[in-house]
């Protein structure tokens, strides 16, 4: 197994879960899901264990679980990613599976239109790795190709609680109309959270998700700040562009919304995700400090400073609190 020093929380903050149902991901096929339905494999909630819960097939488990195999071969399932993307790491999570987890697993991938068939050519992106029960297995993916589907192979059978697929959405920008105003930061357009001062209650990538937040947990919220300063999140746009409108949505945040916000921006041409934290301190102001209110969409157009094309923004929340969504509307810059 190719492991990493980065925690899952750091990957979740830096990349998008391409297997998230809210992006349209779906488990489309499983050789067997007798004990636990295949759809639970990509459930966005954390897996749970309910000691006394049974169904007509036996013990209810929160994940995907096949029956005990009594012949040759192994089980697998196919996940259609919500959006095609480059995969940086996966988490094969066997939480709560102790006497029924697979001893090993591997991952194959393909890039196709529609759904895989018997003639589909698959590429191995994660060679067979040993699994442990009730454990998270964070595995780096070396491939830098774009994939649309994954095949999770388990050897020979058993249960997996969750599969998280951390990566970067890939858009075909050559097909985009340069005169169209789009949300340059939305997940479906390749936007991603890079870093945040604090993500105690949620990843900054959450604020780039489609639609409005479903509850207070579907956003980015920091702990209560007990020292001077303010919290912030750095966002990489899906494509460089000129921002003409900013929306800050505090949906569901009522006693914990930020008092004010501001946005800095820059056209970044070098450095790393880590260096952006330092670089962002010197970025120019796109949106000066603005007052916020609870559970509302705040739109800013006339307040914006013309900076030309930008590729990254830093959302400052003053002093702390929670934001449900951030929208950065504009036209892409070729």
C-alpha atoms as a PDB file:
ATOM      1  CA  UNK A   1       0.000   0.000   0.000  1.00  0.00           C
ATOM      2  CA  UNK A   2       1.275   3.468  -0.893  1.00  0.00           C
ATOM      3  CA  UNK A   3       0.446   5.451   2.212  1.00  0.00           C
ATOM      4  CA  UNK A   4       0.543   9.187   2.843  1.00  0.00           C
ATOM      5  CA  UNK A   5       1.393  11.494   5.724  1.00  0.00           C
ATOM      6  CA  UNK A   6      -1.698  13.561   4.978  1.00  0.00           C
ATOM      7  CA  UNK A   7      -4.813  12.758   6.991  1.00  0.00           C
ATOM      8  CA  UNK A   8      -8.197  12.158   5.418  1.00  0.00           C
ATOM      9  CA  UNK A   9      -9.324  15.530   6.778  1.00  0.00           C
ATOM     10  CA  UNK A  10      -6.501  17.223   4.865  1.00  0.00           C
ATOM     11  CA  UNK A  11      -7.468  15.430   1.651  1.00  0.00           C
ATOM     12  CA  UNK A  12     -11.119  16.352   2.216  1.00  0.00           C
ATOM     13  CA  UNK A  13     -10.122  20.002   2.609  1.00  0.00           C
ATOM     14  CA  UNK A  14      -7.887  20.014  -0.452  1.00  0.00           C
ATOM     15  CA  UNK A  15      -9.807  17.821  -2.894  1.00  0.00           C
ATOM     16  CA  UNK A  16     -13.333  16.870  -3.903  1.00  0.00           C
ATOM     17  CA  UNK A  17     -14.930  13.509  -3.133  1.00  0.00           C
ATOM     18  CA  UNK A  18     -15.642  12.515  -6.725  1.00  0.00           C
ATOM     19  CA  UNK A  19     -17.823   9.659  -5.454  1.00  0.00           C
ATOM     20  CA  UNK A  20     -20.212  11.998  -3.647  1.00  0.00           C
ATOM     21  CA  UNK A  21     -23.904  11.409  -4.479  1.00  0.00           C
ATOM     22  CA  UNK A  22     -24.548  15.161  -4.391  1.00  0.00           C
ATOM     23  CA  UNK A  23     -22.315  15.433  -7.475  1.00  0.00           C
ATOM     24  CA  UNK A  24     -24.335  12.670  -9.130  1.00  0.00           C
ATOM     25  CA  UNK A  25     -22.159   9.658  -8.224  1.00  0.00           C
ATOM     26  CA  UNK A  26     -23.876   6.286  -8.088  1.00  0.00           C
ATOM     27  CA  UNK A  27     -22.975   2.660  -7.430  1.00  0.00           C
ATOM     28  CA  UNK A  28     -24.386   1.188 -10.628  1.00  0.00           C
ATOM     29  CA  UNK A  29     -23.532  -2.504 -10.253  1.00  0.00           C
ATOM     30  CA  UNK A  30     -22.428  -5.119  -7.737  1.00  0.00           C
ATOM     31  CA  UNK A  31     -21.833  -8.806  -8.263  1.00  0.00           C
ATOM     32  CA  UNK A  32     -23.600  -9.350  -4.946  1.00  0.00           C
ATOM     33  CA  UNK A  33     -25.001  -7.119  -2.207  1.00  0.00           C
ATOM     34  CA  UNK A  34     -27.053  -9.668  -0.278  1.00  0.00           C
ATOM     35  CA  UNK A  35     -26.274  -8.385   3.219  1.00  0.00           C
ATOM     36  CA  UNK A  36     -25.875  -4.632   2.630  1.00  0.00           C
ATOM     37  CA  UNK A  37     -27.018  -2.574  -0.337  1.00  0.00           C
ATOM     38  CA  UNK A  38     -24.301  -1.314  -2.667  1.00  0.00           C
ATOM     39  CA  UNK A  39     -25.655   2.268  -2.542  1.00  0.00           C
ATOM     40  CA  UNK A  40     -24.477   2.664   1.053  1.00  0.00           C
ATOM     41  CA  UNK A  41     -20.854   2.433  -0.083  1.00  0.00           C
ATOM     42  CA  UNK A  42     -20.821   6.131  -1.073  1.00  0.00           C
ATOM     43  CA  UNK A  43     -23.262   7.491   1.511  1.00  0.00           C
ATOM     44  CA  UNK A  44     -21.868  10.919   2.517  1.00  0.00           C
ATOM     45  CA  UNK A  45     -22.609  10.340   6.215  1.00  0.00           C
ATOM     46  CA  UNK A  46     -20.188   8.520   8.487  1.00  0.00           C
ATOM     47  CA  UNK A  47     -20.939   4.796   8.863  1.00  0.00           C
ATOM     48  CA  UNK A  48     -22.767   3.715  11.998  1.00  0.00           C
ATOM     49  CA  UNK A  49     -23.256   0.461  13.865  1.00  0.00           C
ATOM     50  CA  UNK A  50     -26.653  -0.420  15.329  1.00  0.00           C
ATOM     51  CA  UNK A  51     -26.205  -3.447  17.551  1.00  0.00           C
ATOM     52  CA  UNK A  52     -29.760  -4.792  17.512  1.00  0.00           C
ATOM     53  CA  UNK A  53     -30.751  -3.953  13.920  1.00  0.00           C
ATOM     54  CA  UNK A  54     -31.489  -6.896  11.609  1.00  0.00           C
ATOM     55  CA  UNK A  55     -33.348  -7.302   8.329  1.00  0.00           C
ATOM     56  CA  UNK A  56     -34.694 -10.329   6.464  1.00  0.00           C
ATOM     57  CA  UNK A  57     -31.183 -11.254   5.240  1.00  0.00           C
ATOM     58  CA  UNK A  58     -29.424 -10.992   8.585  1.00  0.00           C
ATOM     59  CA  UNK A  59     -27.427  -8.347  10.449  1.00  0.00           C
ATOM     60  CA  UNK A  60     -27.926  -4.833   9.054  1.00  0.00           C
ATOM     61  CA  UNK A  61     -24.600  -3.219   8.198  1.00  0.00           C
ATOM     62  CA  UNK A  62     -23.914   0.334   7.059  1.00  0.00           C
ATOM     63  CA  UNK A  63     -21.964  -0.260   3.866  1.00  0.00           C
ATOM     64  CA  UNK A  64     -21.771  -2.716   0.987  1.00  0.00           C
ATOM     65  CA  UNK A  65     -21.569  -6.394   1.968  1.00  0.00           C
ATOM     66  CA  UNK A  66     -21.720  -9.508  -0.181  1.00  0.00           C
ATOM     67  CA  UNK A  67     -22.613 -13.011   1.000  1.00  0.00           C
ATOM     68  CA  UNK A  68     -19.955 -15.602   1.817  1.00  0.00           C
ATOM     69  CA  UNK A  69     -18.476 -16.899  -1.439  1.00  0.00           C
ATOM     70  CA  UNK A  70     -18.463 -20.679  -1.825  1.00  0.00           C
ATOM     71  CA  UNK A  71     -16.616 -20.906  -5.150  1.00  0.00           C
ATOM     72  CA  UNK A  72     -13.810 -19.378  -7.178  1.00  0.00           C
ATOM     73  CA  UNK A  73     -13.608 -15.687  -8.018  1.00  0.00           C
ATOM     74  CA  UNK A  74     -14.264 -12.496  -6.087  1.00  0.00           C
ATOM     75  CA  UNK A  75     -16.867  -9.761  -5.786  1.00  0.00           C
ATOM     76  CA  UNK A  76     -16.759  -6.277  -7.219  1.00  0.00           C
ATOM     77  CA  UNK A  77     -18.905  -3.209  -7.643  1.00  0.00           C
ATOM     78  CA  UNK A  78     -18.844  -0.312 -10.108  1.00  0.00           C
ATOM     79  CA  UNK A  79     -19.064   3.348  -9.110  1.00  0.00           C
ATOM     80  CA  UNK A  80     -19.901   6.039 -11.634  1.00  0.00           C
ATOM     81  CA  UNK A  81     -18.157   9.163 -10.394  1.00  0.00           C
ATOM     82  CA  UNK A  82     -20.218  12.304 -10.086  1.00  0.00           C
ATOM     83  CA  UNK A  83     -17.866  14.076 -12.474  1.00  0.00           C
ATOM     84  CA  UNK A  84     -14.788  12.872 -14.377  1.00  0.00           C
ATOM     85  CA  UNK A  85     -11.607  13.749 -12.552  1.00  0.00           C
ATOM     86  CA  UNK A  86      -8.009  13.053 -11.607  1.00  0.00           C
ATOM     87  CA  UNK A  87      -7.890  10.883  -8.471  1.00  0.00           C
ATOM     88  CA  UNK A  88      -5.258  11.723  -5.876  1.00  0.00           C
ATOM     89  CA  UNK A  89      -6.182   9.284  -3.086  1.00  0.00           C
ATOM     90  CA  UNK A  90      -8.888   6.911  -1.933  1.00  0.00           C
ATOM     91  CA  UNK A  91     -10.085   5.789   1.466  1.00  0.00           C
ATOM     92  CA  UNK A  92     -11.276   2.184   1.645  1.00  0.00           C
ATOM     93  CA  UNK A  93     -13.115   2.287   4.959  1.00  0.00           C
ATOM     94  CA  UNK A  94     -14.055  -0.950   6.755  1.00  0.00           C
ATOM     95  CA  UNK A  95     -15.541   0.756   9.835  1.00  0.00           C
ATOM     96  CA  UNK A  96     -17.622  -1.676  11.949  1.00  0.00           C
ATOM     97  CA  UNK A  97     -16.763  -4.632   9.715  1.00  0.00           C
ATOM     98  CA  UNK A  98     -14.718  -6.868  12.022  1.00  0.00           C
ATOM     99  CA  UNK A  99     -15.359 -10.545  11.225  1.00  0.00           C
ATOM    100  CA  UNK A 100     -16.682  -9.890   7.751  1.00  0.00           C
ATOM    101  CA  UNK A 101     -14.255  -7.498   6.019  1.00  0.00           C
ATOM    102  CA  UNK A 102     -12.380  -8.477   2.815  1.00  0.00           C
ATOM    103  CA  UNK A 103      -8.725  -9.469   3.355  1.00  0.00           C
ATOM    104  CA  UNK A 104      -7.723  -7.426   0.293  1.00  0.00           C
ATOM    105  CA  UNK A 105      -9.025  -4.992  -2.311  1.00  0.00           C
ATOM    106  CA  UNK A 106      -7.959  -3.245  -5.515  1.00  0.00           C
ATOM    107  CA  UNK A 107      -9.310  -0.495  -7.764  1.00  0.00           C
ATOM    108  CA  UNK A 108      -9.648  -0.296 -11.543  1.00  0.00           C
ATOM    109  CA  UNK A 109     -10.747   2.756 -13.524  1.00  0.00           C
ATOM    110  CA  UNK A 110     -11.986   3.729 -16.975  1.00  0.00           C
ATOM    111  CA  UNK A 111     -13.022   6.854 -18.881  1.00  0.00           C
ATOM    112  CA  UNK A 112     -16.137   6.311 -20.966  1.00  0.00           C
ATOM    113  CA  UNK A 113     -19.454   7.853 -21.987  1.00  0.00           C
ATOM    114  CA  UNK A 114     -22.432   5.971 -20.587  1.00  0.00           C
ATOM    115  CA  UNK A 115     -21.982   2.820 -18.507  1.00  0.00           C
ATOM    116  CA  UNK A 116     -19.322   0.054 -18.701  1.00  0.00           C
ATOM    117  CA  UNK A 117     -19.997  -3.099 -20.696  1.00  0.00           C
ATOM    118  CA  UNK A 118     -18.230  -6.428 -21.052  1.00  0.00           C
ATOM    119  CA  UNK A 119     -16.008  -4.818 -23.690  1.00  0.00           C
ATOM    120  CA  UNK A 120     -14.904  -1.921 -21.484  1.00  0.00           C
ATOM    121  CA  UNK A 121     -11.142  -1.702 -20.963  1.00  0.00           C
ATOM    122  CA  UNK A 122     -10.168  -1.123 -17.321  1.00  0.00           C
ATOM    123  CA  UNK A 123      -6.863   0.180 -15.925  1.00  0.00           C
ATOM    124  CA  UNK A 124      -5.615  -0.805 -12.483  1.00  0.00           C
ATOM    125  CA  UNK A 125      -4.962   2.358 -10.441  1.00  0.00           C
ATOM    126  CA  UNK A 126      -4.656   0.753  -6.983  1.00  0.00           C
ATOM    127  CA  UNK A 127      -2.962  -2.661  -6.935  1.00  0.00           C
ATOM    128  CA  UNK A 128      -4.196  -5.200  -4.399  1.00  0.00           C
ATOM    129  CA  UNK A 129      -3.722  -3.957  -0.846  1.00  0.00           C
ATOM    130  CA  UNK A 130      -4.276  -5.794   2.438  1.00  0.00           C
ATOM    131  CA  UNK A 131      -7.198  -4.601   4.538  1.00  0.00           C
ATOM    132  CA  UNK A 132      -7.851  -4.643   8.273  1.00  0.00           C
ATOM    133  CA  UNK A 133     -11.189  -4.722  10.000  1.00  0.00           C
ATOM    134  CA  UNK A 134     -12.806  -1.545  11.345  1.00  0.00           C
ATOM    135  CA  UNK A 135     -10.084   0.625   9.763  1.00  0.00           C
ATOM    136  CA  UNK A 136      -9.468   3.459   7.307  1.00  0.00           C
ATOM    137  CA  UNK A 137      -7.088   2.649   4.464  1.00  0.00           C
ATOM    138  CA  UNK A 138      -5.818   5.847   2.823  1.00  0.00           C
ATOM    139  CA  UNK A 139      -4.081   4.966  -0.439  1.00  0.00           C
ATOM    140  CA  UNK A 140      -2.352   7.359  -2.839  1.00  0.00           C
ATOM    141  CA  UNK A 141      -3.135   7.060  -6.560  1.00  0.00           C
ATOM    142  CA  UNK A 142      -0.201   7.633  -8.900  1.00  0.00           C
ATOM    143  CA  UNK A 143      -2.220   7.933 -12.109  1.00  0.00           C
ATOM    144  CA  UNK A 144      -2.736  11.486 -13.364  1.00  0.00           C
ATOM    145  CA  UNK A 145      -5.259  10.483 -16.000  1.00  0.00           C
ATOM    146  CA  UNK A 146      -8.924  11.461 -15.949  1.00  0.00           C
ATOM    147  CA  UNK A 147     -11.413   8.737 -14.979  1.00  0.00           C
ATOM    148  CA  UNK A 148     -15.210   8.498 -15.008  1.00  0.00           C
ATOM    149  CA  UNK A 149     -15.831   5.095 -13.367  1.00  0.00           C
ATOM    150  CA  UNK A 150     -14.200   2.934 -10.705  1.00  0.00           C
ATOM    151  CA  UNK A 151     -14.394  -0.797 -10.081  1.00  0.00           C
ATOM    152  CA  UNK A 152     -13.772  -1.829  -6.469  1.00  0.00           C
ATOM    153  CA  UNK A 153     -12.628  -5.430  -6.271  1.00  0.00           C
ATOM    154  CA  UNK A 154     -12.773  -7.238  -2.918  1.00  0.00           C
ATOM    155  CA  UNK A 155     -10.969 -10.534  -2.420  1.00  0.00           C
ATOM    156  CA  UNK A 156     -12.884 -12.731  -2.153  1.00  0.00           C
ATOM    157  CA  UNK A 157     -16.005 -11.288  -0.460  1.00  0.00           C
ATOM    158  CA  UNK A 158     -17.139  -9.325   2.583  1.00  0.00           C
ATOM    159  CA  UNK A 159     -18.086  -5.811   3.522  1.00  0.00           C
ATOM    160  CA  UNK A 160     -16.749  -2.284   3.010  1.00  0.00           C
ATOM    161  CA  UNK A 161     -18.381   0.607   4.840  1.00  0.00           C
ATOM    162  CA  UNK A 162     -17.397   3.522   2.610  1.00  0.00           C
ATOM    163  CA  UNK A 163     -15.322   4.403  -0.428  1.00  0.00           C
ATOM    164  CA  UNK A 164     -14.106   8.006  -0.612  1.00  0.00           C
ATOM    165  CA  UNK A 165     -12.440   9.184  -3.826  1.00  0.00           C
ATOM    166  CA  UNK A 166     -10.457  12.416  -3.401  1.00  0.00           C
ATOM    167  CA  UNK A 167      -9.497  14.212  -6.588  1.00  0.00           C
ATOM    168  CA  UNK A 168      -9.906  17.153  -8.929  1.00  0.00           C
ATOM    169  CA  UNK A 169     -12.831  17.626 -11.287  1.00  0.00           C
ATOM    170  CA  UNK A 170     -11.747  17.900 -14.912  1.00  0.00           C
ATOM    171  CA  UNK A 171     -13.802  20.118 -17.221  1.00  0.00           C
ATOM    172  CA  UNK A 172     -13.441  20.394 -20.975  1.00  0.00           C
ATOM    173  CA  UNK A 173     -12.959  24.144 -20.984  1.00  0.00           C
ATOM    174  CA  UNK A 174     -12.480  24.210 -24.764  1.00  0.00           C
ATOM    175  CA  UNK A 175     -16.214  23.573 -25.055  1.00  0.00           C
ATOM    176  CA  UNK A 176     -17.157  26.414 -22.700  1.00  0.00           C
ATOM    177  CA  UNK A 177     -18.523  29.654 -24.109  1.00  0.00           C
ATOM    178  CA  UNK A 178     -16.083  32.380 -22.961  1.00  0.00           C
ATOM    179  CA  UNK A 179     -18.978  34.863 -22.906  1.00  0.00           C
ATOM    180  CA  UNK A 180     -21.088  32.777 -20.533  1.00  0.00           C
ATOM    181  CA  UNK A 181     -21.236  33.839 -16.888  1.00  0.00           C
ATOM    182  CA  UNK A 182     -20.703  30.786 -14.680  1.00  0.00           C
ATOM    183  CA  UNK A 183     -19.817  30.032 -11.078  1.00  0.00           C
ATOM    184  CA  UNK A 184     -16.046  29.768 -11.460  1.00  0.00           C
ATOM    185  CA  UNK A 185     -15.676  28.185  -8.011  1.00  0.00           C
ATOM    186  CA  UNK A 186     -18.424  25.553  -8.081  1.00  0.00           C
ATOM    187  CA  UNK A 187     -17.350  21.947  -7.605  1.00  0.00           C
ATOM    188  CA  UNK A 188     -18.914  20.925 -10.908  1.00  0.00           C
ATOM    189  CA  UNK A 189     -16.703  23.479 -12.648  1.00  0.00           C
ATOM    190  CA  UNK A 190     -13.530  22.220 -10.977  1.00  0.00           C
ATOM    191  CA  UNK A 191     -13.376  24.572  -8.010  1.00  0.00           C
ATOM    192  CA  UNK A 192     -11.856  23.183  -4.821  1.00  0.00           C
ATOM    193  CA  UNK A 193     -10.967  24.140  -1.298  1.00  0.00           C
ATOM    194  CA  UNK A 194      -7.210  24.394  -0.818  1.00  0.00           C
ATOM    195  CA  UNK A 195      -6.729  25.290   2.836  1.00  0.00           C
ATOM    196  CA  UNK A 196      -8.478  26.868   5.800  1.00  0.00           C
ATOM    197  CA  UNK A 197      -7.454  28.374   9.103  1.00  0.00           C
ATOM    198  CA  UNK A 198      -9.876  26.033  10.861  1.00  0.00           C
ATOM    199  CA  UNK A 199     -12.304  23.351   9.698  1.00  0.00           C
ATOM    200  CA  UNK A 200     -13.573  22.036  12.977  1.00  0.00           C
ATOM    201  CA  UNK A 201     -17.133  21.580  11.715  1.00  0.00           C
ATOM    202  CA  UNK A 202     -16.693  21.188   7.956  1.00  0.00           C
ATOM    203  CA  UNK A 203     -14.441  21.350   4.920  1.00  0.00           C
ATOM    204  CA  UNK A 204     -14.177  24.546   2.842  1.00  0.00           C
ATOM    205  CA  UNK A 205     -14.958  22.453  -0.246  1.00  0.00           C
ATOM    206  CA  UNK A 206     -18.496  22.121   1.128  1.00  0.00           C
ATOM    207  CA  UNK A 207     -19.212  25.766   0.344  1.00  0.00           C
ATOM    208  CA  UNK A 208     -18.618  25.075  -3.362  1.00  0.00           C
ATOM    209  CA  UNK A 209     -21.205  22.285  -3.644  1.00  0.00           C
ATOM    210  CA  UNK A 210     -24.211  22.559  -5.984  1.00  0.00           C
ATOM    211  CA  UNK A 211     -27.476  23.940  -4.624  1.00  0.00           C
ATOM    212  CA  UNK A 212     -28.127  25.485  -1.232  1.00  0.00           C
ATOM    213  CA  UNK A 213     -26.985  23.799   1.947  1.00  0.00           C
ATOM    214  CA  UNK A 214     -29.413  21.216   3.324  1.00  0.00           C
ATOM    215  CA  UNK A 215     -28.556  21.938   6.960  1.00  0.00           C
ATOM    216  CA  UNK A 216     -25.945  23.592   9.159  1.00  0.00           C
ATOM    217  CA  UNK A 217     -23.608  20.636   8.685  1.00  0.00           C
ATOM    218  CA  UNK A 218     -23.541  21.172   4.918  1.00  0.00           C
ATOM    219  CA  UNK A 219     -21.087  24.061   4.917  1.00  0.00           C
ATOM    220  CA  UNK A 220     -17.838  25.304   6.401  1.00  0.00           C
ATOM    221  CA  UNK A 221     -17.834  26.305  10.068  1.00  0.00           C
ATOM    222  CA  UNK A 222     -14.948  27.125  12.383  1.00  0.00           C
ATOM    223  CA  UNK A 223     -14.699  26.704  16.128  1.00  0.00           C
ATOM    224  CA  UNK A 224     -15.321  29.720  18.327  1.00  0.00           C
ATOM    225  CA  UNK A 225     -12.259  31.934  18.016  1.00  0.00           C
ATOM    226  CA  UNK A 226     -10.742  32.786  21.412  1.00  0.00           C
ATOM    227  CA  UNK A 227      -7.781  34.802  20.143  1.00  0.00           C
ATOM    228  CA  UNK A 228      -7.242  37.898  17.944  1.00  0.00           C
ATOM    229  CA  UNK A 229      -7.611  37.694  14.179  1.00  0.00           C
ATOM    230  CA  UNK A 230     -10.117  36.047  11.888  1.00  0.00           C
ATOM    231  CA  UNK A 231     -10.703  32.784  10.058  1.00  0.00           C
ATOM    232  CA  UNK A 232     -10.223  32.238   6.318  1.00  0.00           C
ATOM    233  CA  UNK A 233     -10.451  29.700   3.502  1.00  0.00           C
ATOM    234  CA  UNK A 234      -8.489  29.563   0.239  1.00  0.00           C
ATOM    235  CA  UNK A 235     -10.380  28.470  -2.868  1.00  0.00           C
ATOM    236  CA  UNK A 236      -8.915  27.474  -6.251  1.00  0.00           C
ATOM    237  CA  UNK A 237     -11.190  28.377  -9.142  1.00  0.00           C
ATOM    238  CA  UNK A 238     -11.917  25.729 -11.752  1.00  0.00           C
ATOM    239  CA  UNK A 239     -10.568  28.129 -14.385  1.00  0.00           C
ATOM    240  CA  UNK A 240      -9.057  31.593 -14.210  1.00  0.00           C
ATOM    241  CA  UNK A 241     -11.607  34.293 -14.886  1.00  0.00           C
ATOM    242  CA  UNK A 242     -12.886  37.773 -14.099  1.00  0.00           C
ATOM    243  CA  UNK A 243     -15.264  37.725 -11.149  1.00  0.00           C
ATOM    244  CA  UNK A 244     -18.265  40.011 -11.610  1.00  0.00           C
ATOM    245  CA  UNK A 245     -20.486  38.856  -8.734  1.00  0.00           C
ATOM    246  CA  UNK A 246     -19.905  37.288  -5.314  1.00  0.00           C
ATOM    247  CA  UNK A 247     -22.569  35.509  -3.275  1.00  0.00           C
ATOM    248  CA  UNK A 248     -22.071  34.518   0.357  1.00  0.00           C
ATOM    249  CA  UNK A 249     -24.859  32.294   1.675  1.00  0.00           C
ATOM    250  CA  UNK A 250     -25.276  31.799   5.431  1.00  0.00           C
ATOM    251  CA  UNK A 251     -28.215  29.376   5.086  1.00  0.00           C
ATOM    252  CA  UNK A 252     -29.014  27.636   8.404  1.00  0.00           C
ATOM    253  CA  UNK A 253     -26.362  29.625  10.278  1.00  0.00           C
ATOM    254  CA  UNK A 254     -28.309  31.765  12.758  1.00  0.00           C
ATOM    255  CA  UNK A 255     -26.443  32.074  16.048  1.00  0.00           C
ATOM    256  CA  UNK A 256     -23.082  31.372  14.516  1.00  0.00           C
ATOM    257  CA  UNK A 257     -22.805  33.287  11.225  1.00  0.00           C
ATOM    258  CA  UNK A 258     -19.767  35.567  10.683  1.00  0.00           C
ATOM    259  CA  UNK A 259     -20.238  39.212  11.555  1.00  0.00           C
ATOM    260  CA  UNK A 260     -18.469  40.332   8.361  1.00  0.00           C
ATOM    261  CA  UNK A 261     -16.635  38.935   5.364  1.00  0.00           C
ATOM    262  CA  UNK A 262     -14.151  40.050   2.733  1.00  0.00           C
ATOM    263  CA  UNK A 263     -12.544  38.413  -0.302  1.00  0.00           C
ATOM    264  CA  UNK A 264      -8.980  38.661  -1.580  1.00  0.00           C
ATOM    265  CA  UNK A 265      -7.919  37.303  -4.979  1.00  0.00           C
ATOM    266  CA  UNK A 266      -4.915  36.748  -7.247  1.00  0.00           C
ATOM    267  CA  UNK A 267      -3.825  35.170 -10.505  1.00  0.00           C
ATOM    268  CA  UNK A 268      -1.412  32.555  -9.146  1.00  0.00           C
ATOM    269  CA  UNK A 269       1.303  31.362 -11.515  1.00  0.00           C
ATOM    270  CA  UNK A 270       3.582  29.387  -9.214  1.00  0.00           C
ATOM    271  CA  UNK A 271       4.025  27.808  -5.818  1.00  0.00           C
ATOM    272  CA  UNK A 272       2.245  24.929  -4.107  1.00  0.00           C
ATOM    273  CA  UNK A 273      -0.954  24.507  -2.141  1.00  0.00           C
ATOM    274  CA  UNK A 274       1.114  24.876   1.022  1.00  0.00           C
ATOM    275  CA  UNK A 275       2.768  28.105  -0.121  1.00  0.00           C
ATOM    276  CA  UNK A 276      -0.608  29.628  -1.006  1.00  0.00           C
ATOM    277  CA  UNK A 277      -1.309  30.117   2.683  1.00  0.00           C
ATOM    278  CA  UNK A 278       1.584  32.559   2.943  1.00  0.00           C
ATOM    279  CA  UNK A 279       1.035  34.053  -0.515  1.00  0.00           C
ATOM    280  CA  UNK A 280      -2.622  34.785   0.204  1.00  0.00           C
ATOM    281  CA  UNK A 281      -1.759  37.285   2.939  1.00  0.00           C
ATOM    282  CA  UNK A 282      -0.603  39.690   0.228  1.00  0.00           C
ATOM    283  CA  UNK A 283      -3.385  39.197  -2.329  1.00  0.00           C
ATOM    284  CA  UNK A 284      -5.360  42.252  -3.414  1.00  0.00           C
ATOM    285  CA  UNK A 285      -8.855  42.929  -2.152  1.00  0.00           C
ATOM    286  CA  UNK A 286     -11.644  41.820  -4.471  1.00  0.00           C
ATOM    287  CA  UNK A 287     -14.471  42.481  -2.009  1.00  0.00           C
ATOM    288  CA  UNK A 288     -13.922  44.893   0.907  1.00  0.00           C
ATOM    289  CA  UNK A 289     -15.421  44.041   4.306  1.00  0.00           C
ATOM    290  CA  UNK A 290     -19.178  43.570   4.165  1.00  0.00           C
ATOM    291  CA  UNK A 291     -21.716  43.033   6.912  1.00  0.00           C
ATOM    292  CA  UNK A 292     -23.442  39.634   6.990  1.00  0.00           C
ATOM    293  CA  UNK A 293     -26.738  38.460   8.464  1.00  0.00           C
ATOM    294  CA  UNK A 294     -28.094  35.100   9.496  1.00  0.00           C
ATOM    295  CA  UNK A 295     -29.620  32.514   7.148  1.00  0.00           C
ATOM    296  CA  UNK A 296     -29.466  34.683   4.003  1.00  0.00           C
ATOM    297  CA  UNK A 297     -27.897  35.013   0.554  1.00  0.00           C
ATOM    298  CA  UNK A 298     -25.719  38.131   0.305  1.00  0.00           C
ATOM    299  CA  UNK A 299     -25.022  39.312  -3.270  1.00  0.00           C
ATOM    300  CA  UNK A 300     -22.232  41.741  -4.093  1.00  0.00           C
ATOM    301  CA  UNK A 301     -21.598  43.271  -7.524  1.00  0.00           C
ATOM    302  CA  UNK A 302     -21.070  47.019  -7.297  1.00  0.00           C
ATOM    303  CA  UNK A 303     -18.862  46.510  -4.245  1.00  0.00           C
ATOM    304  CA  UNK A 304     -16.263  44.487  -6.184  1.00  0.00           C
ATOM    305  CA  UNK A 305     -12.861  45.887  -7.127  1.00  0.00           C
ATOM    306  CA  UNK A 306     -11.819  45.241 -10.744  1.00  0.00           C
ATOM    307  CA  UNK A 307      -8.727  43.024 -10.567  1.00  0.00           C
ATOM    308  CA  UNK A 308      -8.829  41.367 -13.974  1.00  0.00           C
ATOM    309  CA  UNK A 309      -8.393  37.574 -14.271  1.00  0.00           C
ATOM    310  CA  UNK A 310      -7.873  35.665 -11.001  1.00  0.00           C
ATOM    311  CA  UNK A 311      -7.329  31.977 -10.276  1.00  0.00           C
ATOM    312  CA  UNK A 312      -7.594  31.838  -6.466  1.00  0.00           C
ATOM    313  CA  UNK A 313      -9.530  33.638  -3.760  1.00  0.00           C
ATOM    314  CA  UNK A 314      -9.293  33.889  -0.017  1.00  0.00           C
ATOM    315  CA  UNK A 315     -12.606  34.210   1.826  1.00  0.00           C
ATOM    316  CA  UNK A 316     -12.104  35.980   5.151  1.00  0.00           C
ATOM    317  CA  UNK A 317     -14.821  35.561   7.776  1.00  0.00           C
ATOM    318  CA  UNK A 318     -14.668  38.016  10.649  1.00  0.00           C
ATOM    319  CA  UNK A 319     -14.061  36.859  13.259  1.00  0.00           C
ATOM    320  CA  UNK A 320     -15.343  33.259  12.898  1.00  0.00           C
ATOM    321  CA  UNK A 321     -18.492  31.236  12.277  1.00  0.00           C
ATOM    322  CA  UNK A 322     -20.140  29.331   9.464  1.00  0.00           C
ATOM    323  CA  UNK A 323     -20.839  29.833   5.752  1.00  0.00           C
ATOM    324  CA  UNK A 324     -23.059  27.546   3.713  1.00  0.00           C
ATOM    325  CA  UNK A 325     -22.063  28.487   0.150  1.00  0.00           C
ATOM    326  CA  UNK A 326     -19.695  30.787  -1.740  1.00  0.00           C
ATOM    327  CA  UNK A 327     -20.443  31.674  -5.364  1.00  0.00           C
ATOM    328  CA  UNK A 328     -17.992  33.504  -7.629  1.00  0.00           C
ATOM    329  CA  UNK A 329     -19.715  34.341 -10.882  1.00  0.00           C
ATOM    330  CA  UNK A 330     -17.761  35.520 -13.904  1.00  0.00           C
ATOM    331  CA  UNK A 331     -16.419  34.728 -17.360  1.00  0.00           C
ATOM    332  CA  UNK A 332     -13.452  32.475 -17.971  1.00  0.00           C
ATOM    333  CA  UNK A 333     -10.223  34.014 -19.265  1.00  0.00           C
ATOM    334  CA  UNK A 334      -8.470  32.123 -22.031  1.00  0.00           C
END
